[in-house]
């Protein structure tokens, strides 16, 4: 089955979709308070654009509470950095479709990499399968090398989920956050979620385990001009011991060790994560 066919298969359950759409429309018709946004998110999270294997992650990723903490509203112009395979796209893009704007800042194409090529094709297929939800998504390239994905000062919010370790591995973390800083309007919000490292263990500059120490990340991001304004414990997981043979990918949903101790890691759940809100100071 092709990627487009897989996502098209999610078009079943029309009654649920109709109910969700009606609830979303009602929520968005009112002023976009935290309460009306929460109602809209509840409807979206129940929508059939989200396959079952993504919905089961909600218990670990808390998308509704996370997005409300960041302050998203249906009017928000938001850039999500490296959104593939689209787990959060399926939540954010429908929310802001009518009143705001969703920019998908995808990884730069690399013809020499089958992995990246496949990743981008899968993402594009997902968007194409649901034009009723994703027709207004603007796909842009976010290359953490200093290039701008969107015009400077053009978005209200930048979000990125579990990507800092990827940029650290490429020595591009500082450049990535400088690009995000330029993209935001003064007073705009940067929301970050990342695997939290053990503060007793010195930070590996390459973050080979996938874990990033919270203090290290805060210092890195604030050095690019941002100011930390709030922390949330919504994605904390005290069961995560952060000392696994294959790093964070030992845990679900990756299970890099396969069947070895799978029940043990399933009981731990997904990683312990810090959830931080920064602002670009108004000048």
Protein backbone atom coordinates (compact mmCIF):
# COMPACT_ATOMS: atom_id res chain seq x y z
CA UNK A 1 0.00 0.00 0.00
CA UNK A 2 1.40 3.43 -0.92
CA UNK A 3 1.81 6.25 1.59
CA UNK A 4 -1.09 8.13 0.02
CA UNK A 5 -3.29 5.05 0.20
CA UNK A 6 -2.43 4.55 3.87
CA UNK A 7 -3.46 8.05 4.75
CA UNK A 8 -6.51 7.85 2.51
CA UNK A 9 -7.59 4.78 4.46
CA UNK A 10 -8.04 7.06 7.45
CA UNK A 11 -11.11 8.53 5.76
CA UNK A 12 -13.33 5.89 7.37
CA UNK A 13 -15.44 6.71 10.40
CA UNK A 14 -17.46 9.48 8.75
CA UNK A 15 -19.84 9.87 11.65
CA UNK A 16 -16.97 10.56 14.04
CA UNK A 17 -15.45 13.00 11.58
CA UNK A 18 -18.74 14.88 11.20
CA UNK A 19 -19.15 15.14 14.95
CA UNK A 20 -15.58 16.35 15.37
CA UNK A 21 -15.97 18.89 12.57
CA UNK A 22 -19.16 20.27 14.08
CA UNK A 23 -17.56 20.63 17.49
CA UNK A 24 -14.52 22.28 15.96
CA UNK A 25 -16.63 24.77 14.02
CA UNK A 26 -18.61 25.66 17.13
CA UNK A 27 -15.49 26.15 19.18
CA UNK A 28 -13.77 28.30 16.57
CA UNK A 29 -16.85 30.43 15.98
CA UNK A 30 -16.51 31.98 19.42
CA UNK A 31 -13.69 34.24 20.54
CA UNK A 32 -10.47 32.30 20.74
CA UNK A 33 -10.00 32.04 24.46
CA UNK A 34 -8.07 29.27 26.13
CA UNK A 35 -11.38 27.50 26.75
CA UNK A 36 -12.61 27.67 23.15
CA UNK A 37 -9.18 26.59 21.93
CA UNK A 38 -9.28 23.64 24.31
CA UNK A 39 -12.68 22.65 22.89
CA UNK A 40 -11.34 22.90 19.36
CA UNK A 41 -8.34 20.75 20.24
CA UNK A 42 -10.57 18.13 21.83
CA UNK A 43 -12.51 17.87 18.56
CA UNK A 44 -9.36 17.71 16.45
CA UNK A 45 -7.75 15.05 18.59
CA UNK A 46 -10.85 12.88 18.05
CA UNK A 47 -10.70 13.37 14.28
CA UNK A 48 -10.12 10.54 11.81
CA UNK A 49 -7.09 12.30 10.30
CA UNK A 50 -5.14 10.77 13.21
CA UNK A 51 -4.46 7.04 12.79
CA UNK A 52 -4.70 4.77 15.84
CA UNK A 53 -0.94 4.39 16.16
CA UNK A 54 -0.67 8.14 16.67
CA UNK A 55 -3.56 8.46 19.09
CA UNK A 56 -2.00 5.94 21.47
CA UNK A 57 0.92 8.34 21.92
CA UNK A 58 -1.34 11.02 23.44
CA UNK A 59 -0.95 9.52 26.90
CA UNK A 60 2.78 10.28 26.71
CA UNK A 61 2.82 13.47 24.61
CA UNK A 62 -0.21 15.31 26.03
CA UNK A 63 -0.80 17.37 22.87
CA UNK A 64 -3.75 19.36 24.17
CA UNK A 65 -2.11 20.50 27.39
CA UNK A 66 1.22 21.06 25.66
CA UNK A 67 -0.24 23.32 22.97
CA UNK A 68 -2.36 25.23 25.47
CA UNK A 69 0.76 25.80 27.58
CA UNK A 70 2.49 27.32 24.58
CA UNK A 71 -0.51 29.61 24.10
CA UNK A 72 -1.63 28.55 20.64
CA UNK A 73 -4.95 29.90 19.32
CA UNK A 74 -6.82 29.39 16.02
CA UNK A 75 -5.51 32.82 14.88
CA UNK A 76 -1.87 31.90 15.41
CA UNK A 77 0.61 32.00 12.55
CA UNK A 78 2.82 29.07 13.54
CA UNK A 79 5.97 27.52 12.11
CA UNK A 80 6.62 23.95 13.18
CA UNK A 81 10.24 23.02 12.63
CA UNK A 82 10.93 19.55 11.22
CA UNK A 83 7.35 18.26 11.64
CA UNK A 84 7.79 15.01 9.70
CA UNK A 85 6.17 12.49 9.84
CA UNK A 86 3.36 14.86 10.85
CA UNK A 87 2.25 13.78 14.31
CA UNK A 88 1.67 17.37 15.41
CA UNK A 89 0.73 18.56 11.91
CA UNK A 90 -2.48 16.56 12.27
CA UNK A 91 -3.34 18.60 15.36
CA UNK A 92 -2.01 22.09 14.66
CA UNK A 93 -2.83 22.51 10.97
CA UNK A 94 -6.60 21.90 11.39
CA UNK A 95 -6.69 24.24 14.40
CA UNK A 96 -5.22 27.25 12.57
CA UNK A 97 -6.50 26.45 9.06
CA UNK A 98 -9.29 29.04 8.91
CA UNK A 99 -7.99 31.92 11.01
CA UNK A 100 -4.24 31.49 11.27
CA UNK A 101 -1.51 29.83 9.24
CA UNK A 102 0.56 26.67 9.54
CA UNK A 103 4.06 26.61 8.07
CA UNK A 104 5.67 23.18 7.93
CA UNK A 105 9.40 23.79 8.13
CA UNK A 106 10.55 20.47 6.69
CA UNK A 107 14.04 19.06 6.57
CA UNK A 108 16.06 20.06 3.52
CA UNK A 109 15.86 17.61 0.61
CA UNK A 110 18.94 15.46 0.09
CA UNK A 111 18.87 13.29 -3.06
CA UNK A 112 21.77 11.23 -1.67
CA UNK A 113 19.71 10.21 1.39
CA UNK A 114 16.98 7.63 0.84
CA UNK A 115 15.83 8.18 4.41
CA UNK A 116 15.26 11.91 3.96
CA UNK A 117 13.69 11.42 0.54
CA UNK A 118 11.28 8.84 1.93
CA UNK A 119 10.51 11.03 4.94
CA UNK A 120 9.56 13.98 2.73
CA UNK A 121 7.52 11.86 0.33
CA UNK A 122 5.55 10.35 3.20
CA UNK A 123 4.86 13.77 4.62
CA UNK A 124 3.71 15.19 1.29
CA UNK A 125 1.45 12.15 0.79
CA UNK A 126 -0.11 12.73 4.16
CA UNK A 127 -0.94 16.32 3.29
CA UNK A 128 -2.29 15.37 -0.14
CA UNK A 129 -4.61 12.73 1.32
CA UNK A 130 -6.64 15.29 3.29
CA UNK A 131 -7.00 18.53 1.33
CA UNK A 132 -10.00 19.41 3.49
CA UNK A 133 -7.59 19.85 6.42
CA UNK A 134 -4.19 20.50 4.87
CA UNK A 135 -4.86 22.49 1.70
CA UNK A 136 -3.62 25.70 3.33
CA UNK A 137 -0.44 24.25 4.81
CA UNK A 138 2.63 26.10 3.55
CA UNK A 139 5.52 23.66 3.20
CA UNK A 140 8.84 25.49 3.50
CA UNK A 141 12.39 24.27 3.96
CA UNK A 142 14.02 24.72 7.34
CA UNK A 143 17.73 24.18 6.88
CA UNK A 144 19.52 25.02 10.16
CA UNK A 145 22.41 26.71 8.40
CA UNK A 146 21.32 30.33 8.62
CA UNK A 147 18.81 30.40 5.75
CA UNK A 148 15.33 31.75 6.48
CA UNK A 149 12.37 29.38 6.11
CA UNK A 150 9.86 32.24 6.33
CA UNK A 151 10.27 36.03 6.09
CA UNK A 152 11.83 37.52 9.21
CA UNK A 153 9.30 38.61 11.82
CA UNK A 154 6.38 36.90 10.08
CA UNK A 155 5.10 34.29 12.56
CA UNK A 156 3.60 34.45 16.05
CA UNK A 157 4.90 31.09 17.22
CA UNK A 158 7.63 28.58 16.44
CA UNK A 159 7.31 25.02 17.76
CA UNK A 160 9.71 22.12 17.67
CA UNK A 161 9.34 18.70 19.24
CA UNK A 162 12.29 16.40 20.07
CA UNK A 163 14.72 17.91 17.57
CA UNK A 164 17.47 19.63 19.56
CA UNK A 165 19.58 16.46 19.71
CA UNK A 166 19.41 16.20 15.90
CA UNK A 167 20.84 19.69 15.46
CA UNK A 168 23.47 19.09 18.12
CA UNK A 169 24.60 15.99 16.22
CA UNK A 170 25.15 18.22 13.18
CA UNK A 171 26.74 21.14 15.11
CA UNK A 172 23.80 23.27 13.96
CA UNK A 173 21.79 23.87 17.13
CA UNK A 174 22.80 27.49 17.62
CA UNK A 175 22.14 28.33 13.95
CA UNK A 176 18.76 26.59 14.10
CA UNK A 177 17.58 28.69 17.03
CA UNK A 178 18.93 31.87 15.45
CA UNK A 179 16.78 31.11 12.40
CA UNK A 180 13.76 30.59 14.66
CA UNK A 181 14.47 33.89 16.40
CA UNK A 182 14.47 35.76 13.09
CA UNK A 183 11.22 34.10 12.01
CA UNK A 184 9.29 35.32 15.05
CA UNK A 185 7.62 38.67 15.52
CA UNK A 186 8.81 40.63 18.58
CA UNK A 187 6.92 39.16 21.51
CA UNK A 188 6.46 35.87 19.64
CA UNK A 189 6.66 32.49 21.37
CA UNK A 190 9.09 29.62 20.93
CA UNK A 191 7.81 26.30 22.29
CA UNK A 192 10.29 23.46 22.78
CA UNK A 193 9.90 19.84 23.86
CA UNK A 194 12.97 17.60 24.14
CA UNK A 195 14.21 14.42 25.83
CA UNK A 196 15.54 15.55 29.21
CA UNK A 197 19.01 14.33 30.11
CA UNK A 198 20.36 13.41 33.54
CA UNK A 199 21.76 16.64 35.04
CA UNK A 200 24.37 14.61 36.92
CA UNK A 201 25.85 13.50 33.58
CA UNK A 202 27.86 16.10 31.61
CA UNK A 203 26.23 17.00 28.33
CA UNK A 204 27.60 15.24 25.29
CA UNK A 205 27.89 18.05 22.69
CA UNK A 206 26.69 15.61 20.02
CA UNK A 207 23.81 14.30 22.16
CA UNK A 208 24.46 10.77 20.87
CA UNK A 209 22.03 9.28 23.42
CA UNK A 210 19.23 11.58 22.23
CA UNK A 211 19.04 13.23 25.66
CA UNK A 212 19.71 16.93 26.25
CA UNK A 213 20.20 18.45 29.69
CA UNK A 214 17.55 21.06 30.39
CA UNK A 215 19.95 23.71 31.69
CA UNK A 216 22.17 23.17 28.65
CA UNK A 217 19.21 23.72 26.30
CA UNK A 218 18.05 26.84 28.13
CA UNK A 219 21.52 28.40 27.97
CA UNK A 220 21.86 27.49 24.29
CA UNK A 221 18.49 29.01 23.37
CA UNK A 222 18.84 32.15 25.49
CA UNK A 223 22.24 32.80 23.92
CA UNK A 224 20.39 33.28 20.62
CA UNK A 225 18.31 36.11 22.10
CA UNK A 226 15.30 34.29 23.54
CA UNK A 227 14.06 34.67 27.12
CA UNK A 228 12.68 31.72 29.07
CA UNK A 229 9.27 32.62 30.54
CA UNK A 230 7.74 29.33 31.69
CA UNK A 231 8.32 25.62 32.25
CA UNK A 232 5.70 22.87 32.29
CA UNK A 233 5.88 19.41 33.80
CA UNK A 234 3.20 18.08 31.47
CA UNK A 235 5.64 15.77 29.65
CA UNK A 236 7.71 14.70 32.67
CA UNK A 237 8.26 10.95 33.13
CA UNK A 238 10.08 10.02 36.36
CA UNK A 239 10.21 6.36 35.29
CA UNK A 240 12.79 7.21 32.62
CA UNK A 241 16.27 6.33 33.96
CA UNK A 242 18.06 7.68 30.83
CA UNK A 243 20.82 5.06 30.92
CA UNK A 244 19.89 2.67 28.14
CA UNK A 245 22.07 0.69 25.77
CA UNK A 246 20.62 2.39 22.70
CA UNK A 247 19.87 5.75 24.25
CA UNK A 248 16.39 7.23 24.18
CA UNK A 249 15.51 5.06 21.18
CA UNK A 250 15.47 2.04 23.51
CA UNK A 251 12.10 3.29 24.74
CA UNK A 252 8.80 3.31 22.85
CA UNK A 253 7.83 4.02 20.19
CA UNK A 254 11.19 3.03 18.61
CA UNK A 255 12.14 -0.03 20.70
CA UNK A 256 15.57 -0.21 19.12
CA UNK A 257 16.41 -3.40 21.04
CA UNK A 258 13.47 -5.18 19.46
CA UNK A 259 11.99 -7.88 21.67
CA UNK A 260 14.73 -7.62 24.31
CA UNK A 261 13.16 -6.40 27.58
CA UNK A 262 10.30 -4.93 25.56
CA UNK A 263 7.79 -5.22 28.39
CA UNK A 264 10.17 -3.40 30.73
CA UNK A 265 10.54 -0.48 28.34
CA UNK A 266 6.83 -0.43 27.52
CA UNK A 267 6.15 -0.03 31.24
CA UNK A 268 8.48 2.98 31.36
CA UNK A 269 6.75 4.61 28.41
CA UNK A 270 8.14 7.39 26.28
CA UNK A 271 11.01 9.54 27.51
CA UNK A 272 11.08 12.15 30.24
CA UNK A 273 10.81 15.50 28.41
CA UNK A 274 11.21 19.13 29.30
CA UNK A 275 8.59 21.52 27.95
CA UNK A 276 9.71 25.14 27.76
CA UNK A 277 8.18 28.40 26.57
CA UNK A 278 10.44 31.23 25.45
CA UNK A 279 9.67 34.64 23.99
CA UNK A 280 11.46 36.88 21.55
CA UNK A 281 11.64 40.09 23.56
CA UNK A 282 9.72 43.07 22.16
CA UNK A 283 12.12 45.86 21.34
